[in-house]
Structures are given as structure tokens and as C-alpha cells.
Amino acid sequence: ATYGGGLSASKDSFSILEKALNYKDPSLQLIGLYFLSQLQDDRSRAALEKAATKSDFLSTRVEACYHMALRKEKNASSFTQALMSSLPPFFRPFFPRFFALIGTKEADRELRQLLQDRNHLVRIEAILSVIQMKRDDFLPLIRLKASQRNVAEMEACAFAFGVMQDTHSIHRLESFSTKSPMNVRIAALQSLVKLGDESKIQDLEILALSHNLFAIQALAQLKGSNDILFELIKSSNLQTQINAAIGLLQRR
């Protein structure tokens, strides 16, 4: 009945979908929640808010906040912040994406705080969320964070500069590409190529030929890499073969 009501895409099915949220079955709640999120009216909004605060299942509460974020509901930020605050700290890396999706002033304020979180995993997820949503208004803060010593955080920042076409960070990327840990170097080289320096493709190819799997993955994101990936398929190293094959599939 829940599937039928949802697939009908009719507001008349609201009562059926609402009942699904009251069943003690998380799978059924998630089904009802998904279809309710497709109904754009006050009743569906109230149902999402109820699910975000009253459900006995954490998966339902998180999913409700996610759908509110997708819909950019007026109160999405406050509900998401309340849920995040009620959970143990190790759940915090899940939430930066929600605030990046919402995009209101209140959500942006929370996202900035997460970019400064004590936990580096939260900071990295916040950077990746900014990248995913292409929020170039956060670039000044990411530039400041690029000076951090955490390798994964530096890598995320280097990657962000390429995705966001940040020409102001070319000098820093040049430095990263020669004087940083390998993962940061690869991210910097990839970003420099995206910013127009195609000479860096050769540097990535050299690393890929030395069986660096991250370099192979980076090449798969760049045009003109088909030939080198094809050569790497012939490698005697099984992991190199597999990653090169995956790269060619991504390149279609």
C-alpha cells in the first residue's frame, strides 16, 4: 500500500504514507519518508519535521533532515543542527553536506563552524561538501585551511582549488606539487591540469607508471589519459591493472 500510494504521486495518498512513518519498521518508514518528500505542501513539511524529531530510528531522523535539506525548507538548518547536537561526536562528519545543501545564512554559519571543527574528519567532510556544491564563496576560508599540517585536509584543499578554478592558488599548488606528501602532490598536479597547465599530466603519468594507484585514479579524471591507462592494463601488477581498467571505464 505504501509503494502504491507513493507511486501514485497523489496528495490523496498522504494518509497512507503518513501511517508508514508510525510503523515500527525502519525500512517502511524510509519508504514512506521518501514519497512524502516528493509532495510539496505544508502537510508533507510537517511530516518531515515530525520524522526528524519523533522517530524511534536514527536512520529515519537523519533521512528526514536530508530531505528537508534537499527541499531547502525554512527550518531545515535548525532541525539538522538539533539532530547533530543530540548525537555522539563521531556522527558529525555526516552533517556538513546537509548544511551545504541548505545554503541559507544560518546553514552557512554552521558550515563555517564545521570547517573549524576540532575533529579533522569533520573539517575534511566540510571541505568536500563545499566542493560538491561548488560554493566558491567559501574559497577564502579554504585557502586559509590549506596551510594546515593534516595531510588529508591539505589534499582536500588542493583538490578544491582545481574544482573551483581558483587561479589565485596556483602558486600554492605549485608548491604542493613538489614539496608535499604524495597524496597532496597528486591532488595538486590534478588541479594544476584543470587550471590549464597540461605539462603536469606528464608528472602524473610518471607516478602512474611507478604503480601509484592514486595517480592512476587522478589520470582517469583527465582528458587524453586513455593511452597511458591502456598501457597500464598490461602491467604485471594486478592492482595497477584493475585501477587502470576502472579508469578506462570512467573514461568510457
Protein backbone atom coordinates (compact mmCIF):
# COMPACT_ATOMS: atom_id res chain seq x y z
CA ALA A 1 0.00 0.00 0.00
CA THR A 2 2.88 2.36 0.81
CA TYR A 3 4.54 1.76 -2.56
CA GLY A 4 1.23 2.13 -4.37
CA GLY A 5 0.41 5.35 -2.58
CA GLY A 6 3.85 6.74 -3.26
CA LEU A 7 3.91 5.78 -6.93
CA SER A 8 0.54 7.37 -7.48
CA ALA A 9 2.19 10.73 -6.69
CA SER A 10 -1.16 11.92 -5.42
CA LYS A 11 -1.83 14.11 -2.41
CA ASP A 12 -4.75 11.79 -1.69
CA SER A 13 -2.23 9.13 -0.68
CA PHE A 14 -0.86 11.28 2.14
CA SER A 15 -2.65 9.40 4.93
CA ILE A 16 -1.22 6.08 3.71
CA LEU A 17 2.31 7.46 3.61
CA GLU A 18 1.91 9.13 7.00
CA LYS A 19 0.84 5.83 8.56
CA ALA A 20 4.05 4.25 7.24
CA LEU A 21 6.01 6.61 9.49
CA ASN A 22 4.25 5.18 12.54
CA TYR A 23 5.15 1.55 11.89
CA LYS A 24 7.97 0.07 13.99
CA ASP A 25 9.86 -0.86 10.86
CA PRO A 26 12.70 1.44 9.73
CA SER A 27 12.55 0.20 6.13
CA LEU A 28 8.86 1.05 5.86
CA GLN A 29 9.43 4.42 7.48
CA LEU A 30 12.14 5.26 4.94
CA ILE A 31 9.87 4.30 2.05
CA GLY A 32 7.06 6.48 3.36
CA LEU A 33 9.52 9.28 4.06
CA TYR A 34 10.89 9.25 0.52
CA PHE A 35 7.48 9.51 -1.11
CA LEU A 36 6.30 12.14 1.38
CA SER A 37 9.32 14.25 0.47
CA GLN A 38 8.05 14.35 -3.13
CA LEU A 39 4.82 16.08 -2.06
CA GLN A 40 5.37 19.82 -1.93
CA ASP A 41 2.84 21.07 0.61
CA ASP A 42 2.51 22.02 4.28
CA ARG A 43 1.39 18.54 5.35
CA SER A 44 4.46 16.86 3.91
CA ARG A 45 6.65 19.52 5.52
CA ALA A 46 5.08 18.83 8.91
CA ALA A 47 5.52 15.08 8.41
CA LEU A 48 9.22 15.52 7.66
CA GLU A 49 9.70 17.66 10.75
CA LYS A 50 7.89 15.08 12.89
CA ALA A 51 10.03 12.27 11.49
CA ALA A 52 13.20 14.27 12.16
CA THR A 53 12.39 14.59 15.85
CA LYS A 54 9.97 11.83 16.88
CA SER A 55 11.04 8.68 15.06
CA ASP A 56 12.49 5.85 17.17
CA PHE A 57 15.02 5.13 14.41
CA LEU A 58 18.09 7.23 13.80
CA SER A 59 18.11 6.35 10.09
CA THR A 60 14.65 7.88 9.71
CA ARG A 61 15.60 11.05 11.58
CA VAL A 62 18.74 11.55 9.51
CA GLU A 63 16.90 10.84 6.26
CA ALA A 64 14.17 13.32 7.20
CA CYS A 65 16.77 16.05 7.75
CA TYR A 66 18.39 15.15 4.45
CA HIS A 67 15.12 15.53 2.53
CA MET A 68 14.46 18.84 4.32
CA ALA A 69 17.90 19.99 3.20
CA LEU A 70 17.21 18.94 -0.39
CA ARG A 71 13.94 20.85 -0.33
CA LYS A 72 15.69 23.82 1.33
CA GLU A 73 12.96 24.02 3.93
CA LYS A 74 12.89 27.15 6.05
CA ASN A 75 13.63 25.27 9.28
CA ALA A 76 15.94 22.65 7.78
CA SER A 77 19.05 24.14 9.35
CA SER A 78 17.66 24.28 12.89
CA PHE A 79 16.33 20.70 12.72
CA THR A 80 19.64 19.44 11.34
CA GLN A 81 21.62 21.30 13.99
CA ALA A 82 19.38 19.92 16.74
CA LEU A 83 19.85 16.35 15.49
CA MET A 84 23.62 16.75 15.14
CA SER A 85 23.87 18.14 18.69
CA SER A 86 21.90 15.22 20.12
CA LEU A 87 24.27 12.59 18.69
CA PRO A 88 27.75 11.48 19.80
CA PRO A 89 30.63 13.43 18.18
CA PHE A 90 31.58 10.62 15.78
CA PHE A 91 28.38 11.32 13.80
CA ARG A 92 29.39 14.91 12.99
CA PRO A 93 31.16 14.09 9.68
CA PHE A 94 27.76 13.15 8.22
CA PHE A 95 26.30 16.64 8.58
CA PRO A 96 28.41 19.18 6.63
CA ARG A 97 26.77 18.07 3.39
CA PHE A 98 23.33 18.86 4.80
CA PHE A 99 24.26 22.44 5.65
CA ALA A 100 25.96 22.89 2.26
CA LEU A 101 22.74 21.74 0.57
CA ILE A 102 20.53 24.11 2.55
CA GLY A 103 22.57 27.20 1.69
CA THR A 104 20.84 29.70 3.99
CA LYS A 105 22.75 32.20 6.15
CA GLU A 106 22.06 30.08 9.22
CA ALA A 107 23.26 26.92 7.44
CA ASP A 108 26.37 28.70 6.15
CA ARG A 109 27.20 29.78 9.68
CA GLU A 110 27.02 26.15 10.84
CA LEU A 111 29.12 25.03 7.87
CA ARG A 112 31.82 27.56 8.72
CA GLN A 113 31.92 26.22 12.26
CA LEU A 114 32.28 22.67 10.94
CA LEU A 115 35.19 23.82 8.77
CA GLN A 116 36.88 24.82 12.05
CA ASP A 117 35.84 21.71 14.00
CA ARG A 118 38.39 20.09 16.32
CA ASN A 119 37.93 16.76 14.51
CA HIS A 120 39.89 16.73 11.24
CA LEU A 121 37.40 14.24 9.74
CA VAL A 122 34.62 16.80 10.19
CA ARG A 123 36.77 19.53 8.62
CA ILE A 124 37.59 17.33 5.63
CA GLU A 125 33.93 16.43 5.07
CA ALA A 126 33.05 20.11 5.27
CA ILE A 127 35.63 20.92 2.58
CA LEU A 128 34.35 18.10 0.36
CA SER A 129 30.76 19.30 0.85
CA VAL A 130 31.76 22.82 -0.22
CA ILE A 131 33.42 21.31 -3.30
CA GLN A 132 30.41 19.18 -4.16
CA MET A 133 28.06 22.14 -4.00
CA LYS A 134 30.63 24.39 -5.78
CA ARG A 135 30.36 27.01 -3.07
CA ASP A 136 33.17 29.28 -4.23
CA ASP A 137 32.11 31.84 -1.60
CA PHE A 138 33.95 29.57 0.87
CA LEU A 139 37.22 29.74 -1.09
CA PRO A 140 38.89 32.36 1.17
CA LEU A 141 38.40 30.07 4.15
CA ILE A 142 39.67 27.02 2.27
CA ARG A 143 42.77 28.97 1.23
CA LEU A 144 43.46 29.60 4.91
CA LYS A 145 42.96 25.95 5.72
CA ALA A 146 45.44 24.85 3.06
CA SER A 147 48.23 25.77 5.45
CA GLN A 148 47.17 23.06 7.90
CA ARG A 149 49.55 20.19 8.56
CA ASN A 150 46.94 17.45 8.34
CA VAL A 151 47.74 15.62 5.10
CA ALA A 152 44.16 14.64 4.25
CA GLU A 153 42.98 18.21 4.84
CA MET A 154 45.74 19.60 2.62
CA GLU A 155 44.77 17.09 -0.08
CA ALA A 156 41.11 18.15 0.10
CA CYS A 157 42.10 21.83 -0.20
CA ALA A 158 44.38 21.14 -3.17
CA PHE A 159 41.56 19.27 -4.89
CA ALA A 160 39.12 22.11 -4.14
CA PHE A 161 41.31 24.70 -5.88
CA GLY A 162 41.07 22.76 -9.15
CA VAL A 163 37.34 22.07 -8.99
CA MET A 164 36.59 25.71 -8.21
CA GLN A 165 39.05 27.04 -10.79
CA ASP A 166 40.87 29.10 -8.19
CA THR A 167 43.66 30.75 -10.16
CA HIS A 168 44.72 32.68 -7.04
CA SER A 169 46.00 29.40 -5.56
CA ILE A 170 48.25 28.35 -8.49
CA HIS A 171 51.43 29.34 -6.65
CA ARG A 172 50.43 27.27 -3.64
CA LEU A 173 49.52 24.32 -5.86
CA GLU A 174 52.93 24.55 -7.50
CA SER A 175 54.49 24.29 -4.07
CA PHE A 176 52.24 21.39 -3.09
CA SER A 177 53.14 19.52 -6.27
CA THR A 178 56.82 19.31 -5.34
CA LYS A 179 57.17 19.64 -1.56
CA SER A 180 54.27 17.73 -0.03
CA PRO A 181 53.27 14.15 0.84
CA MET A 182 52.44 12.06 -2.21
CA ASN A 183 48.63 12.27 -1.97
CA VAL A 184 48.79 16.06 -1.70
CA ARG A 185 51.22 16.22 -4.63
CA ILE A 186 48.86 14.20 -6.81
CA ALA A 187 45.84 16.34 -5.89
CA ALA A 188 47.87 19.48 -6.64
CA LEU A 189 49.04 18.15 -10.01
CA GLN A 190 45.48 17.23 -10.94
CA SER A 191 44.25 20.70 -10.01
CA LEU A 192 47.03 22.40 -11.95
CA VAL A 193 45.98 20.44 -15.05
CA LYS A 194 42.38 21.57 -14.51
CA LEU A 195 43.67 25.13 -14.26
CA GLY A 196 45.33 24.83 -17.68
CA ASP A 197 48.86 23.53 -17.02
CA GLU A 198 48.80 20.40 -19.18
CA SER A 199 52.55 19.86 -18.65
CA LYS A 200 51.63 18.38 -15.26
CA ILE A 201 49.96 15.42 -16.99
CA GLN A 202 53.43 14.03 -17.66
CA ASP A 203 54.24 14.18 -13.95
CA LEU A 204 51.08 12.22 -13.18
CA GLU A 205 51.94 9.69 -15.88
CA ILE A 206 55.39 9.11 -14.37
CA LEU A 207 53.81 8.47 -10.97
CA ALA A 208 51.19 6.18 -12.53
CA LEU A 209 53.89 4.16 -14.30
CA SER A 210 55.53 3.62 -10.92
CA HIS A 211 52.24 1.91 -9.89
CA ASN A 212 50.92 4.75 -7.75
CA LEU A 213 47.21 3.95 -7.55
CA PHE A 214 46.19 7.50 -6.61
CA ALA A 215 47.96 8.85 -9.70
CA ILE A 216 46.11 6.32 -11.86
CA GLN A 217 42.81 7.45 -10.36
CA ALA A 218 43.75 11.09 -10.98
CA LEU A 219 44.57 10.38 -14.63
CA ALA A 220 41.15 8.79 -15.08
CA GLN A 221 39.61 12.22 -14.40
CA LEU A 222 41.64 13.94 -17.13
CA LYS A 223 41.22 14.05 -20.89
CA GLY A 224 43.92 12.49 -23.00
CA SER A 225 44.78 9.78 -20.48
CA ASN A 226 43.37 6.81 -22.42
CA ASP A 227 46.69 5.73 -23.94
CA ILE A 228 48.62 5.61 -20.68
CA LEU A 229 45.74 3.82 -18.93
CA PHE A 230 45.70 1.26 -21.73
CA GLU A 231 49.44 0.68 -21.24
CA LEU A 232 48.94 0.23 -17.51
CA ILE A 233 46.41 -2.55 -18.13
CA LYS A 234 49.34 -4.60 -19.42
CA SER A 235 51.22 -4.20 -16.13
CA SER A 236 52.26 -7.28 -14.17
CA ASN A 237 50.90 -5.59 -11.04
CA LEU A 238 47.30 -6.76 -10.51
CA GLN A 239 46.21 -3.66 -8.56
CA THR A 240 47.63 -1.45 -11.31
CA GLN A 241 45.71 -3.44 -13.94
CA ILE A 242 42.44 -3.19 -12.02
CA ASN A 243 42.72 0.55 -11.35
CA ALA A 244 43.71 1.26 -14.96
CA ALA A 245 40.70 -0.76 -16.17
CA ILE A 246 38.40 1.14 -13.82
CA GLY A 247 39.91 4.39 -15.12
CA LEU A 248 39.18 3.43 -18.72
CA LEU A 249 35.60 2.55 -17.77
CA GLN A 250 35.26 6.02 -16.24
CA ARG A 251 36.69 7.49 -19.43
CA ARG A 252 34.19 5.37 -21.41
